Amino acid sequence: MNIIQIISGFIAAALGTLAVIYTEWIVQNVGYNEWAEEKMSMWGGSRMLYKIIGVLAVLGGLLYSFDLLDKFIFGLGNVFFSSGGQ
């Protein structure tokens, strides 16, 4: 684990946090997402999509920063694709 990995992970987490906080600004400047408005309109449409992307950026940035991203991804793979008897 090196300092560049830690800094870039925290930058990604900070950008994700800003995306969640300033979702309305993003919607006003980037615009609406057609797919999100069609599929997730009950939950907020584009705003919810941008918040989900922000939360995933925070989670991914922190996991990358603490060198846990590969363990998390392989752990999910083991949960969903594990063989029955092993």
PDB file of N, CA and C in Angstrom:
ATOM      1  N   MET A   1       0.864  -1.177   0.000  1.00  0.00           N
ATOM      2  CA  MET A   1       0.000   0.000   0.000  1.00  0.00           C
ATOM      3  C   MET A   1       0.905   1.232   0.000  1.00  0.00           C
ATOM      4  N   ASN A   2       0.676   2.104  -0.956  1.00  0.00           N
ATOM      5  CA  ASN A   2       1.522   3.286  -1.039  1.00  0.00           C
ATOM      6  C   ASN A   2       0.688   4.559  -0.863  1.00  0.00           C
ATOM      7  N   ILE A   3       1.383   5.657  -0.771  1.00  0.00           N
ATOM      8  CA  ILE A   3       0.732   6.934  -0.479  1.00  0.00           C
ATOM      9  C   ILE A   3      -0.161   7.394  -1.630  1.00  0.00           C
ATOM     10  N   ILE A   4       0.226   7.068  -2.869  1.00  0.00           N
ATOM     11  CA  ILE A   4      -0.591   7.457  -4.019  1.00  0.00           C
ATOM     12  C   ILE A   4      -1.938   6.739  -3.976  1.00  0.00           C
ATOM     13  N   GLN A   5      -1.923   5.482  -3.593  1.00  0.00           N
ATOM     14  CA  GLN A   5      -3.162   4.712  -3.480  1.00  0.00           C
ATOM     15  C   GLN A   5      -4.064   5.303  -2.400  1.00  0.00           C
ATOM     16  N   ILE A   6      -3.494   5.683  -1.285  1.00  0.00           N
ATOM     17  CA  ILE A   6      -4.272   6.258  -0.191  1.00  0.00           C
ATOM     18  C   ILE A   6      -4.872   7.597  -0.612  1.00  0.00           C
ATOM     19  N   ILE A   7      -4.062   8.445  -1.217  1.00  0.00           N
ATOM     20  CA  ILE A   7      -4.543   9.771  -1.615  1.00  0.00           C
ATOM     21  C   ILE A   7      -5.614   9.667  -2.694  1.00  0.00           C
ATOM     22  N   SER A   8      -5.382   8.821  -3.706  1.00  0.00           N
ATOM     23  CA  SER A   8      -6.378   8.702  -4.778  1.00  0.00           C
ATOM     24  C   SER A   8      -7.676   8.090  -4.267  1.00  0.00           C
ATOM     25  N   GLY A   9      -7.590   7.176  -3.318  1.00  0.00           N
ATOM     26  CA  GLY A   9      -8.802   6.607  -2.720  1.00  0.00           C
ATOM     27  C   GLY A   9      -9.595   7.654  -1.956  1.00  0.00           C
ATOM     28  N   PHE A  10      -8.893   8.490  -1.201  1.00  0.00           N
ATOM     29  CA  PHE A  10      -9.586   9.552  -0.463  1.00  0.00           C
ATOM     30  C   PHE A  10     -10.154  10.619  -1.394  1.00  0.00           C
ATOM     31  N   ILE A  11      -9.477  10.880  -2.503  1.00  0.00           N
ATOM     32  CA  ILE A  11     -10.013  11.839  -3.480  1.00  0.00           C
ATOM     33  C   ILE A  11     -11.299  11.290  -4.098  1.00  0.00           C
ATOM     34  N   ALA A  12     -11.307  10.002  -4.443  1.00  0.00           N
ATOM     35  CA  ALA A  12     -12.520   9.384  -4.988  1.00  0.00           C
ATOM     36  C   ALA A  12     -13.653   9.420  -3.969  1.00  0.00           C
ATOM     37  N   ALA A  13     -13.335   9.159  -2.701  1.00  0.00           N
ATOM     38  CA  ALA A  13     -14.359   9.205  -1.656  1.00  0.00           C
ATOM     39  C   ALA A  13     -14.884  10.629  -1.465  1.00  0.00           C
ATOM     40  N   ALA A  14     -14.005  11.615  -1.550  1.00  0.00           N
ATOM     41  CA  ALA A  14     -14.426  13.008  -1.411  1.00  0.00           C
ATOM     42  C   ALA A  14     -15.301  13.431  -2.587  1.00  0.00           C
ATOM     43  N   LEU A  15     -14.936  13.024  -3.805  1.00  0.00           N
ATOM     44  CA  LEU A  15     -15.766  13.351  -4.965  1.00  0.00           C
ATOM     45  C   LEU A  15     -17.133  12.677  -4.884  1.00  0.00           C
ATOM     46  N   GLY A  16     -17.160  11.444  -4.390  1.00  0.00           N
ATOM     47  CA  GLY A  16     -18.443  10.763  -4.197  1.00  0.00           C
ATOM     48  C   GLY A  16     -19.308  11.460  -3.162  1.00  0.00           C
ATOM     49  N   THR A  17     -18.678  11.937  -2.097  1.00  0.00           N
ATOM     50  CA  THR A  17     -19.415  12.683  -1.072  1.00  0.00           C
ATOM     51  C   THR A  17     -19.985  13.970  -1.641  1.00  0.00           C
ATOM     52  N   LEU A  18     -19.184  14.665  -2.442  1.00  0.00           N
ATOM     53  CA  LEU A  18     -19.676  15.892  -3.079  1.00  0.00           C
ATOM     54  C   LEU A  18     -20.818  15.597  -4.047  1.00  0.00           C
ATOM     55  N   ALA A  19     -20.747  14.473  -4.734  1.00  0.00           N
ATOM     56  CA  ALA A  19     -21.820  14.099  -5.658  1.00  0.00           C
ATOM     57  C   ALA A  19     -23.117  13.855  -4.910  1.00  0.00           C
ATOM     58  N   VAL A  20     -23.031  13.268  -3.727  1.00  0.00           N
ATOM     59  CA  VAL A  20     -24.245  13.036  -2.935  1.00  0.00           C
ATOM     60  C   VAL A  20     -24.783  14.353  -2.384  1.00  0.00           C
ATOM     61  N   ILE A  21     -23.903  15.212  -1.911  1.00  0.00           N
ATOM     62  CA  ILE A  21     -24.340  16.472  -1.312  1.00  0.00           C
ATOM     63  C   ILE A  21     -24.915  17.416  -2.363  1.00  0.00           C
ATOM     64  N   TYR A  22     -24.250  17.528  -3.504  1.00  0.00           N
ATOM     65  CA  TYR A  22     -24.649  18.492  -4.530  1.00  0.00           C
ATOM     66  C   TYR A  22     -25.366  17.834  -5.704  1.00  0.00           C
ATOM     67  N   THR A  23     -26.239  16.885  -5.416  1.00  0.00           N
ATOM     68  CA  THR A  23     -26.972  16.190  -6.464  1.00  0.00           C
ATOM     69  C   THR A  23     -27.831  17.144  -7.279  1.00  0.00           C
ATOM     70  N   GLU A  24     -28.469  18.079  -6.633  1.00  0.00           N
ATOM     71  CA  GLU A  24     -29.334  19.023  -7.356  1.00  0.00           C
ATOM     72  C   GLU A  24     -28.516  19.865  -8.330  1.00  0.00           C
ATOM     73  N   TRP A  25     -27.337  20.290  -7.936  1.00  0.00           N
ATOM     74  CA  TRP A  25     -26.474  21.056  -8.831  1.00  0.00           C
ATOM     75  C   TRP A  25     -26.080  20.213 -10.044  1.00  0.00           C
ATOM     76  N   ILE A  26     -25.787  18.929  -9.802  1.00  0.00           N
ATOM     77  CA  ILE A  26     -25.426  18.032 -10.910  1.00  0.00           C
ATOM     78  C   ILE A  26     -26.585  17.884 -11.873  1.00  0.00           C
ATOM     79  N   VAL A  27     -27.797  17.716 -11.347  1.00  0.00           N
ATOM     80  CA  VAL A  27     -28.977  17.571 -12.207  1.00  0.00           C
ATOM     81  C   VAL A  27     -29.194  18.836 -13.025  1.00  0.00           C
ATOM     82  N   GLN A  28     -29.021  19.988 -12.415  1.00  0.00           N
ATOM     83  CA  GLN A  28     -29.243  21.244 -13.134  1.00  0.00           C
ATOM     84  C   GLN A  28     -28.206  21.475 -14.225  1.00  0.00           C
ATOM     85  N   ASN A  29     -26.969  21.049 -14.009  1.00  0.00           N
ATOM     86  CA  ASN A  29     -25.899  21.321 -14.967  1.00  0.00           C
ATOM     87  C   ASN A  29     -25.675  20.200 -15.977  1.00  0.00           C
ATOM     88  N   VAL A  30     -25.881  18.957 -15.569  1.00  0.00           N
ATOM     89  CA  VAL A  30     -25.678  17.825 -16.472  1.00  0.00           C
ATOM     90  C   VAL A  30     -26.978  17.459 -17.162  1.00  0.00           C
ATOM     91  N   GLY A  31     -28.056  17.531 -16.427  1.00  0.00           N
ATOM     92  CA  GLY A  31     -29.361  17.210 -16.997  1.00  0.00           C
ATOM     93  C   GLY A  31     -29.898  15.898 -16.451  1.00  0.00           C
ATOM     94  N   TYR A  32     -31.056  15.551 -16.944  1.00  0.00           N
ATOM     95  CA  TYR A  32     -31.732  14.342 -16.502  1.00  0.00           C
ATOM     96  C   TYR A  32     -31.249  13.148 -17.307  1.00  0.00           C
ATOM     97  N   ASN A  33     -31.293  11.993 -16.685  1.00  0.00           N
ATOM     98  CA  ASN A  33     -30.942  10.749 -17.342  1.00  0.00           C
ATOM     99  C   ASN A  33     -32.242  10.071 -17.745  1.00  0.00           C
ATOM    100  N   GLU A  34     -32.408   9.821 -19.025  1.00  0.00           N
ATOM    101  CA  GLU A  34     -33.661   9.238 -19.535  1.00  0.00           C
ATOM    102  C   GLU A  34     -33.958   7.886 -18.902  1.00  0.00           C
ATOM    103  N   TRP A  35     -32.939   7.025 -18.827  1.00  0.00           N
ATOM    104  CA  TRP A  35     -33.150   5.693 -18.277  1.00  0.00           C
ATOM    105  C   TRP A  35     -33.577   5.767 -16.812  1.00  0.00           C
ATOM    106  N   ALA A  36     -32.906   6.620 -16.041  1.00  0.00           N
ATOM    107  CA  ALA A  36     -33.231   6.739 -14.625  1.00  0.00           C
ATOM    108  C   ALA A  36     -34.628   7.306 -14.429  1.00  0.00           C
ATOM    109  N   GLU A  37     -35.007   8.249 -15.259  1.00  0.00           N
ATOM    110  CA  GLU A  37     -36.341   8.827 -15.132  1.00  0.00           C
ATOM    111  C   GLU A  37     -37.416   7.800 -15.479  1.00  0.00           C
ATOM    112  N   GLU A  38     -37.110   6.911 -16.418  1.00  0.00           N
ATOM    113  CA  GLU A  38     -38.084   5.895 -16.810  1.00  0.00           C
ATOM    114  C   GLU A  38     -38.175   4.772 -15.787  1.00  0.00           C
ATOM    115  N   LYS A  39     -37.022   4.292 -15.327  1.00  0.00           N
ATOM    116  CA  LYS A  39     -36.992   3.102 -14.468  1.00  0.00           C
ATOM    117  C   LYS A  39     -37.098   3.405 -12.975  1.00  0.00           C
ATOM    118  N   MET A  40     -36.596   4.563 -12.542  1.00  0.00           N
ATOM    119  CA  MET A  40     -36.548   4.850 -11.107  1.00  0.00           C
ATOM    120  C   MET A  40     -37.313   6.120 -10.743  1.00  0.00           C
ATOM    121  N   SER A  41     -38.325   6.450 -11.512  1.00  0.00           N
ATOM    122  CA  SER A  41     -39.026   7.712 -11.261  1.00  0.00           C
ATOM    123  C   SER A  41     -39.729   7.728  -9.906  1.00  0.00           C
ATOM    124  N   MET A  42     -40.132   6.559  -9.421  1.00  0.00           N
ATOM    125  CA  MET A  42     -40.805   6.504  -8.132  1.00  0.00           C
ATOM    126  C   MET A  42     -39.856   6.891  -6.993  1.00  0.00           C
ATOM    127  N   TRP A  43     -38.550   6.654  -7.187  1.00  0.00           N
ATOM    128  CA  TRP A  43     -37.565   6.928  -6.131  1.00  0.00           C
ATOM    129  C   TRP A  43     -36.750   8.181  -6.372  1.00  0.00           C
ATOM    130  N   GLY A  44     -37.066   8.956  -7.355  1.00  0.00           N
ATOM    131  CA  GLY A  44     -36.347  10.200  -7.575  1.00  0.00           C
ATOM    132  C   GLY A  44     -35.631  10.290  -8.902  1.00  0.00           C
ATOM    133  N   GLY A  45     -35.636   9.239  -9.679  1.00  0.00           N
ATOM    134  CA  GLY A  45     -35.078   9.269 -11.021  1.00  0.00           C
ATOM    135  C   GLY A  45     -33.603   9.592 -11.066  1.00  0.00           C
ATOM    136  N   SER A  46     -33.267  10.656 -11.773  1.00  0.00           N
ATOM    137  CA  SER A  46     -31.866  11.032 -11.980  1.00  0.00           C
ATOM    138  C   SER A  46     -31.173  11.374 -10.671  1.00  0.00           C
ATOM    139  N   ARG A  47     -31.878  12.005  -9.779  1.00  0.00           N
ATOM    140  CA  ARG A  47     -31.265  12.355  -8.490  1.00  0.00           C
ATOM    141  C   ARG A  47     -30.829  11.105  -7.738  1.00  0.00           C
ATOM    142  N   MET A  48     -31.682  10.082  -7.741  1.00  0.00           N
ATOM    143  CA  MET A  48     -31.332   8.834  -7.064  1.00  0.00           C
ATOM    144  C   MET A  48     -30.155   8.157  -7.757  1.00  0.00           C
ATOM    145  N   LEU A  49     -30.118   8.176  -9.079  1.00  0.00           N
ATOM    146  CA  LEU A  49     -29.001   7.587  -9.811  1.00  0.00           C
ATOM    147  C   LEU A  49     -27.687   8.276  -9.454  1.00  0.00           C
ATOM    148  N   TYR A  50     -27.696   9.611  -9.422  1.00  0.00           N
ATOM    149  CA  TYR A  50     -26.469  10.333  -9.081  1.00  0.00           C
ATOM    150  C   TYR A  50     -26.050  10.076  -7.635  1.00  0.00           C
ATOM    151  N   LYS A  51     -27.002   9.916  -6.739  1.00  0.00           N
ATOM    152  CA  LYS A  51     -26.663   9.599  -5.353  1.00  0.00           C
ATOM    153  C   LYS A  51     -26.091   8.186  -5.231  1.00  0.00           C
ATOM    154  N   ILE A  52     -26.651   7.239  -5.976  1.00  0.00           N
ATOM    155  CA  ILE A  52     -26.124   5.873  -5.954  1.00  0.00           C
ATOM    156  C   ILE A  52     -24.699   5.852  -6.490  1.00  0.00           C
ATOM    157  N   ILE A  53     -24.448   6.567  -7.575  1.00  0.00           N
ATOM    158  CA  ILE A  53     -23.096   6.643  -8.125  1.00  0.00           C
ATOM    159  C   ILE A  53     -22.143   7.268  -7.103  1.00  0.00           C
ATOM    160  N   GLY A  54     -22.595   8.307  -6.393  1.00  0.00           N
ATOM    161  CA  GLY A  54     -21.770   8.943  -5.369  1.00  0.00           C
ATOM    162  C   GLY A  54     -21.451   8.007  -4.221  1.00  0.00           C
ATOM    163  N   VAL A  55     -22.431   7.259  -3.753  1.00  0.00           N
ATOM    164  CA  VAL A  55     -22.203   6.325  -2.651  1.00  0.00           C
ATOM    165  C   VAL A  55     -21.258   5.209  -3.086  1.00  0.00           C
ATOM    166  N   LEU A  56     -21.416   4.722  -4.319  1.00  0.00           N
ATOM    167  CA  LEU A  56     -20.495   3.704  -4.824  1.00  0.00           C
ATOM    168  C   LEU A  56     -19.080   4.252  -4.963  1.00  0.00           C
ATOM    169  N   ALA A  57     -18.954   5.524  -5.334  1.00  0.00           N
ATOM    170  CA  ALA A  57     -17.626   6.142  -5.419  1.00  0.00           C
ATOM    171  C   ALA A  57     -16.996   6.259  -4.033  1.00  0.00           C
ATOM    172  N   VAL A  58     -17.788   6.604  -3.030  1.00  0.00           N
ATOM    173  CA  VAL A  58     -17.268   6.671  -1.653  1.00  0.00           C
ATOM    174  C   VAL A  58     -16.823   5.288  -1.201  1.00  0.00           C
ATOM    175  N   LEU A  59     -17.678   4.297  -1.399  1.00  0.00           N
ATOM    176  CA  LEU A  59     -17.342   2.935  -0.983  1.00  0.00           C
ATOM    177  C   LEU A  59     -16.110   2.432  -1.723  1.00  0.00           C
ATOM    178  N   GLY A  60     -16.079   2.601  -3.036  1.00  0.00           N
ATOM    179  CA  GLY A  60     -14.937   2.142  -3.816  1.00  0.00           C
ATOM    180  C   GLY A  60     -13.660   2.873  -3.458  1.00  0.00           C
ATOM    181  N   GLY A  61     -13.755   4.185  -3.239  1.00  0.00           N
ATOM    182  CA  GLY A  61     -12.576   4.956  -2.865  1.00  0.00           C
ATOM    183  C   GLY A  61     -12.003   4.535  -1.528  1.00  0.00           C
ATOM    184  N   LEU A  62     -12.863   4.309  -0.556  1.00  0.00           N
ATOM    185  CA  LEU A  62     -12.374   3.881   0.758  1.00  0.00           C
ATOM    186  C   LEU A  62     -11.806   2.470   0.714  1.00  0.00           C
ATOM    187  N   LEU A  63     -12.471   1.586  -0.018  1.00  0.00           N
ATOM    188  CA  LEU A  63     -11.944   0.225  -0.143  1.00  0.00           C
ATOM    189  C   LEU A  63     -10.589   0.231  -0.855  1.00  0.00           C
ATOM    190  N   TYR A  64     -10.455   1.052  -1.880  1.00  0.00           N
ATOM    191  CA  TYR A  64      -9.187   1.146  -2.601  1.00  0.00           C
ATOM    192  C   TYR A  64      -8.108   1.774  -1.715  1.00  0.00           C
ATOM    193  N   SER A  65      -8.489   2.777  -0.960  1.00  0.00           N
ATOM    194  CA  SER A  65      -7.534   3.478  -0.109  1.00  0.00           C
ATOM    195  C   SER A  65      -6.938   2.557   0.953  1.00  0.00           C
ATOM    196  N   PHE A  66      -7.759   1.681   1.497  1.00  0.00           N
ATOM    197  CA  PHE A  66      -7.288   0.776   2.546  1.00  0.00           C
ATOM    198  C   PHE A  66      -6.901  -0.595   2.008  1.00  0.00           C
ATOM    199  N   ASP A  67      -6.758  -0.706   0.670  1.00  0.00           N
ATOM    200  CA  ASP A  67      -6.312  -1.930   0.005  1.00  0.00           C
ATOM    201  C   ASP A  67      -7.240  -3.112   0.295  1.00  0.00           C
ATOM    202  N   LEU A  68      -8.530  -2.855   0.315  1.00  0.00           N
ATOM    203  CA  LEU A  68      -9.517  -3.894   0.569  1.00  0.00           C
ATOM    204  C   LEU A  68     -10.407  -4.171  -0.635  1.00  0.00           C
ATOM    205  N   LEU A  69     -10.169  -3.486  -1.734  1.00  0.00           N
ATOM    206  CA  LEU A  69     -11.050  -3.611  -2.895  1.00  0.00           C
ATOM    207  C   LEU A  69     -11.033  -5.025  -3.465  1.00  0.00           C
ATOM    208  N   ASP A  70      -9.857  -5.613  -3.630  1.00  0.00           N
ATOM    209  CA  ASP A  70      -9.780  -6.961  -4.180  1.00  0.00           C
ATOM    210  C   ASP A  70     -10.396  -7.986  -3.233  1.00  0.00           C
ATOM    211  N   LYS A  71     -10.206  -7.815  -1.938  1.00  0.00           N
ATOM    212  CA  LYS A  71     -10.800  -8.729  -0.969  1.00  0.00           C
ATOM    213  C   LYS A  71     -12.323  -8.633  -0.990  1.00  0.00           C
ATOM    214  N   PHE A  72     -12.848  -7.412  -1.154  1.00  0.00           N
ATOM    215  CA  PHE A  72     -14.288  -7.209  -1.212  1.00  0.00           C
ATOM    216  C   PHE A  72     -14.875  -7.852  -2.462  1.00  0.00           C
ATOM    217  N   ILE A  73     -14.235  -7.637  -3.604  1.00  0.00           N
ATOM    218  CA  ILE A  73     -14.747  -8.183  -4.860  1.00  0.00           C
ATOM    219  C   ILE A  73     -14.673  -9.709  -4.857  1.00  0.00           C
ATOM    220  N   PHE A  74     -13.558 -10.275  -4.411  1.00  0.00           N
ATOM    221  CA  PHE A  74     -13.453 -11.732  -4.355  1.00  0.00           C
ATOM    222  C   PHE A  74     -14.392 -12.310  -3.300  1.00  0.00           C
ATOM    223  N   GLY A  75     -14.639 -11.573  -2.236  1.00  0.00           N
ATOM    224  CA  GLY A  75     -15.610 -12.024  -1.236  1.00  0.00           C
ATOM    225  C   GLY A  75     -17.016 -12.085  -1.802  1.00  0.00           C
ATOM    226  N   LEU A  76     -17.377 -11.074  -2.595  1.00  0.00           N
ATOM    227  CA  LEU A  76     -18.689 -11.124  -3.260  1.00  0.00           C
ATOM    228  C   LEU A  76     -18.765 -12.284  -4.235  1.00  0.00           C
ATOM    229  N   GLY A  77     -17.668 -12.527  -4.946  1.00  0.00           N
ATOM    230  CA  GLY A  77     -17.637 -13.653  -5.867  1.00  0.00           C
ATOM    231  C   GLY A  77     -17.816 -14.974  -5.151  1.00  0.00           C
ATOM    232  N   ASN A  78     -17.205 -15.116  -3.985  1.00  0.00           N
ATOM    233  CA  ASN A  78     -17.364 -16.350  -3.215  1.00  0.00           C
ATOM    234  C   ASN A  78     -18.783 -16.511  -2.696  1.00  0.00           C
ATOM    235  N   VAL A  79     -19.437 -15.414  -2.362  1.00  0.00           N
ATOM    236  CA  VAL A  79     -20.805 -15.517  -1.862  1.00  0.00           C
ATOM    237  C   VAL A  79     -21.749 -15.956  -2.969  1.00  0.00           C
ATOM    238  N   PHE A  80     -21.607 -15.365  -4.156  1.00  0.00           N
ATOM    239  CA  PHE A  80     -22.553 -15.637  -5.227  1.00  0.00           C
ATOM    240  C   PHE A  80     -22.188 -16.846  -6.078  1.00  0.00           C
ATOM    241  N   PHE A  81     -20.922 -17.206  -6.135  1.00  0.00           N
ATOM    242  CA  PHE A  81     -20.507 -18.262  -7.037  1.00  0.00           C
ATOM    243  C   PHE A  81     -19.795 -19.401  -6.319  1.00  0.00           C
ATOM    244  N   SER A  82     -20.055 -19.586  -5.050  1.00  0.00           N
ATOM    245  CA  SER A  82     -19.376 -20.666  -4.320  1.00  0.00           C
ATOM    246  C   SER A  82     -19.997 -22.000  -4.686  1.00  0.00           C
ATOM    247  N   SER A  83     -19.157 -23.022  -4.690  1.00  0.00           N
ATOM    248  CA  SER A  83     -19.669 -24.368  -4.960  1.00  0.00           C
ATOM    249  C   SER A  83     -20.267 -24.924  -3.674  1.00  0.00           C
ATOM    250  N   GLY A  84     -21.252 -25.743  -3.812  1.00  0.00           N
ATOM    251  CA  GLY A  84     -22.060 -26.196  -2.693  1.00  0.00           C
ATOM    252  C   GLY A  84     -21.308 -26.936  -1.608  1.00  0.00           C
ATOM    253  N   GLY A  85     -20.467 -27.913  -1.926  1.00  0.00           N
ATOM    254  CA  GLY A  85     -19.879 -28.746  -0.896  1.00  0.00           C
ATOM    255  C   GLY A  85     -18.493 -28.349  -0.452  1.00  0.00           C
ATOM    256  N   GLN A  86     -17.927 -27.312  -0.975  1.00  0.00           N
ATOM    257  CA  GLN A  86     -16.548 -27.006  -0.627  1.00  0.00           C
ATOM    258  C   GLN A  86     -16.421 -25.858   0.275  1.00  0.00           C
TER     259      GLN A  86
END
